[in-house]
Amino acid sequence: MRLIKSIAALTLSSLSSLAAAGNQYIIERTIPGASQLSAAELKSISQKSRAILESLGPEIQWQQSYVAEDKFYCVYEAPNKDIIAKHAKLGGFPADKIAQVSGVIGPNTAED
């Protein structure tokens, strides 16, 4: 159990370091009917996004996305907002809001 807590703390520390370096962003995308998209539609969107990311180079990395109601909330690592906006424009994806992550908290934040 102690090892699991140590790993969790290290992971949180690593994420906090990324956020502190100013490299992590959350992108809010309004996509009507997002939560009703099929697995095939999500796969197609993912493939298009990955192809554009590959063309932009390694400085922008898609970490994961959450689908909730009519929104996608995407987590990216990138040097700045401009390259994220470029990815959205090239893909025809909305990028309603691009917010730089300033910190990360979780259950382990409450620990000593």
C-alpha atoms as a PDB file:
ATOM      1  CA  MET A   1       0.000   0.000   0.000  1.00  0.00           C
ATOM      2  CA  ARG A   2       2.854   2.354   0.835  1.00  0.00           C
ATOM      3  CA  LEU A   3       4.412   1.672  -2.576  1.00  0.00           C
ATOM      4  CA  ILE A   4       1.124   2.544  -4.294  1.00  0.00           C
ATOM      5  CA  LYS A   5       0.952   5.841  -2.373  1.00  0.00           C
ATOM      6  CA  SER A   6       4.554   6.594  -3.330  1.00  0.00           C
ATOM      7  CA  ILE A   7       3.849   5.888  -7.000  1.00  0.00           C
ATOM      8  CA  ALA A   8       0.705   8.024  -6.879  1.00  0.00           C
ATOM      9  CA  ALA A   9       2.626  10.878  -5.230  1.00  0.00           C
ATOM     10  CA  LEU A  10       5.380  10.602  -7.850  1.00  0.00           C
ATOM     11  CA  THR A  11       2.805  10.646 -10.657  1.00  0.00           C
ATOM     12  CA  LEU A  12       1.084  13.696  -9.156  1.00  0.00           C
ATOM     13  CA  SER A  13       4.477  15.340  -8.724  1.00  0.00           C
ATOM     14  CA  SER A  14       5.323  14.650 -12.385  1.00  0.00           C
ATOM     15  CA  LEU A  15       1.995  16.069 -13.554  1.00  0.00           C
ATOM     16  CA  SER A  16       2.495  19.107 -11.339  1.00  0.00           C
ATOM     17  CA  SER A  17       5.945  19.598 -12.853  1.00  0.00           C
ATOM     18  CA  LEU A  18       4.461  19.518 -16.346  1.00  0.00           C
ATOM     19  CA  ALA A  19       1.833  22.043 -15.327  1.00  0.00           C
ATOM     20  CA  ALA A  20       4.420  24.232 -13.619  1.00  0.00           C
ATOM     21  CA  ALA A  21       6.521  24.199 -16.781  1.00  0.00           C
ATOM     22  CA  GLY A  22       3.516  25.636 -18.593  1.00  0.00           C
ATOM     23  CA  ASN A  23       3.256  22.761 -21.031  1.00  0.00           C
ATOM     24  CA  GLN A  24      -0.152  21.292 -20.303  1.00  0.00           C
ATOM     25  CA  TYR A  25      -3.453  22.606 -21.652  1.00  0.00           C
ATOM     26  CA  ILE A  26      -7.135  21.703 -21.411  1.00  0.00           C
ATOM     27  CA  ILE A  27      -9.147  22.326 -24.564  1.00  0.00           C
ATOM     28  CA  GLU A  28     -12.931  22.626 -24.389  1.00  0.00           C
ATOM     29  CA  ARG A  29     -14.639  21.666 -27.636  1.00  0.00           C
ATOM     30  CA  THR A  30     -18.404  21.974 -28.147  1.00  0.00           C
ATOM     31  CA  ILE A  31     -19.575  19.141 -30.369  1.00  0.00           C
ATOM     32  CA  PRO A  32     -23.361  18.778 -30.355  1.00  0.00           C
ATOM     33  CA  GLY A  33     -24.303  15.164 -29.661  1.00  0.00           C
ATOM     34  CA  ALA A  34     -20.759  14.267 -28.575  1.00  0.00           C
ATOM     35  CA  SER A  35     -21.948  11.760 -25.982  1.00  0.00           C
ATOM     36  CA  GLN A  36     -23.992   9.940 -28.646  1.00  0.00           C
ATOM     37  CA  LEU A  37     -21.104   9.500 -31.090  1.00  0.00           C
ATOM     38  CA  SER A  38     -20.492   5.876 -32.048  1.00  0.00           C
ATOM     39  CA  ALA A  39     -17.212   4.061 -31.504  1.00  0.00           C
ATOM     40  CA  ALA A  40     -16.586   4.309 -35.257  1.00  0.00           C
ATOM     41  CA  GLU A  41     -17.167   8.083 -35.222  1.00  0.00           C
ATOM     42  CA  LEU A  42     -14.842   8.540 -32.240  1.00  0.00           C
ATOM     43  CA  LYS A  43     -12.216   6.422 -33.992  1.00  0.00           C
ATOM     44  CA  SER A  44     -12.498   8.549 -37.143  1.00  0.00           C
ATOM     45  CA  ILE A  45     -12.112  11.773 -35.140  1.00  0.00           C
ATOM     46  CA  SER A  46      -9.114  10.301 -33.315  1.00  0.00           C
ATOM     47  CA  GLN A  47      -7.448   9.187 -36.535  1.00  0.00           C
ATOM     48  CA  LYS A  48      -7.879  12.628 -38.111  1.00  0.00           C
ATOM     49  CA  SER A  49      -6.488  14.314 -35.002  1.00  0.00           C
ATOM     50  CA  ARG A  50      -3.475  11.992 -34.854  1.00  0.00           C
ATOM     51  CA  ALA A  51      -2.665  12.558 -38.527  1.00  0.00           C
ATOM     52  CA  ILE A  52      -2.642  16.319 -37.995  1.00  0.00           C
ATOM     53  CA  LEU A  53      -0.558  15.972 -34.837  1.00  0.00           C
ATOM     54  CA  GLU A  54       2.004  13.904 -36.751  1.00  0.00           C
ATOM     55  CA  SER A  55       2.234  16.637 -39.390  1.00  0.00           C
ATOM     56  CA  LEU A  56       2.812  19.284 -36.686  1.00  0.00           C
ATOM     57  CA  GLY A  57       5.711  17.389 -35.126  1.00  0.00           C
ATOM     58  CA  PRO A  58       6.574  16.071 -31.681  1.00  0.00           C
ATOM     59  CA  GLU A  59       6.233  19.322 -29.741  1.00  0.00           C
ATOM     60  CA  ILE A  60       2.450  18.876 -29.459  1.00  0.00           C
ATOM     61  CA  GLN A  61       1.140  15.719 -27.813  1.00  0.00           C
ATOM     62  CA  TRP A  62      -2.455  14.644 -27.244  1.00  0.00           C
ATOM     63  CA  GLN A  63      -2.659  12.965 -23.849  1.00  0.00           C
ATOM     64  CA  GLN A  64      -6.355  12.103 -23.603  1.00  0.00           C
ATOM     65  CA  SER A  65      -9.870  13.431 -24.036  1.00  0.00           C
ATOM     66  CA  TYR A  66     -13.057  13.178 -22.025  1.00  0.00           C
ATOM     67  CA  VAL A  67     -16.481  13.127 -23.681  1.00  0.00           C
ATOM     68  CA  ALA A  68     -19.221  14.683 -21.550  1.00  0.00           C
ATOM     69  CA  GLU A  69     -22.635  15.692 -22.855  1.00  0.00           C
ATOM     70  CA  ASP A  70     -22.030  18.021 -25.838  1.00  0.00           C
ATOM     71  CA  LYS A  71     -18.353  18.626 -25.066  1.00  0.00           C
ATOM     72  CA  PHE A  72     -14.922  17.133 -25.495  1.00  0.00           C
ATOM     73  CA  TYR A  73     -12.354  18.104 -22.869  1.00  0.00           C
ATOM     74  CA  CYS A  74      -8.924  17.369 -24.299  1.00  0.00           C
ATOM     75  CA  VAL A  75      -5.595  17.331 -22.491  1.00  0.00           C
ATOM     76  CA  TYR A  76      -2.553  18.330 -24.521  1.00  0.00           C
ATOM     77  CA  GLU A  77       1.105  18.958 -23.893  1.00  0.00           C
ATOM     78  CA  ALA A  78       2.368  21.776 -26.097  1.00  0.00           C
ATOM     79  CA  PRO A  79       4.756  24.732 -25.999  1.00  0.00           C
ATOM     80  CA  ASN A  80       1.939  27.279 -26.432  1.00  0.00           C
ATOM     81  CA  LYS A  81      -1.738  27.855 -27.259  1.00  0.00           C
ATOM     82  CA  ASP A  82      -0.973  28.804 -30.853  1.00  0.00           C
ATOM     83  CA  ILE A  83       0.009  25.300 -31.937  1.00  0.00           C
ATOM     84  CA  ILE A  84      -3.131  23.897 -30.289  1.00  0.00           C
ATOM     85  CA  ALA A  85      -5.256  26.437 -32.162  1.00  0.00           C
ATOM     86  CA  LYS A  86      -3.438  25.487 -35.380  1.00  0.00           C
ATOM     87  CA  HIS A  87      -4.237  21.804 -34.787  1.00  0.00           C
ATOM     88  CA  ALA A  88      -7.911  22.690 -34.290  1.00  0.00           C
ATOM     89  CA  LYS A  89      -8.020  24.826 -37.429  1.00  0.00           C
ATOM     90  CA  LEU A  90      -6.317  22.212 -39.604  1.00  0.00           C
ATOM     91  CA  GLY A  91      -8.653  19.504 -38.318  1.00  0.00           C
ATOM     92  CA  GLY A  92     -11.808  21.560 -38.455  1.00  0.00           C
ATOM     93  CA  PHE A  93     -12.239  20.922 -34.724  1.00  0.00           C
ATOM     94  CA  PRO A  94     -13.726  23.582 -32.459  1.00  0.00           C
ATOM     95  CA  ALA A  95     -11.470  24.934 -29.718  1.00  0.00           C
ATOM     96  CA  ASP A  96     -13.901  27.035 -27.701  1.00  0.00           C
ATOM     97  CA  LYS A  97     -11.457  27.518 -24.868  1.00  0.00           C
ATOM     98  CA  ILE A  98      -7.776  26.681 -24.472  1.00  0.00           C
ATOM     99  CA  ALA A  99      -6.718  26.925 -20.830  1.00  0.00           C
ATOM    100  CA  GLN A 100      -3.189  26.485 -19.565  1.00  0.00           C
ATOM    101  CA  VAL A 101      -2.972  24.150 -16.563  1.00  0.00           C
ATOM    102  CA  SER A 102      -1.430  25.915 -13.580  1.00  0.00           C
ATOM    103  CA  GLY A 103      -1.540  22.996 -11.150  1.00  0.00           C
ATOM    104  CA  VAL A 104      -2.874  19.535 -10.482  1.00  0.00           C
ATOM    105  CA  ILE A 105      -4.569  18.301  -7.327  1.00  0.00           C
ATOM    106  CA  GLY A 106      -6.117  15.001  -6.350  1.00  0.00           C
ATOM    107  CA  PRO A 107      -6.808  12.845  -3.314  1.00  0.00           C
ATOM    108  CA  ASN A 108      -3.097  12.559  -2.584  1.00  0.00           C
ATOM    109  CA  THR A 109      -2.830  16.346  -2.285  1.00  0.00           C
ATOM    110  CA  ALA A 110      -4.460  15.954   1.139  1.00  0.00           C
ATOM    111  CA  GLU A 111      -1.710  13.575   2.286  1.00  0.00           C
ATOM    112  CA  ASP A 112       1.387  14.654   4.185  1.00  0.00           C
END
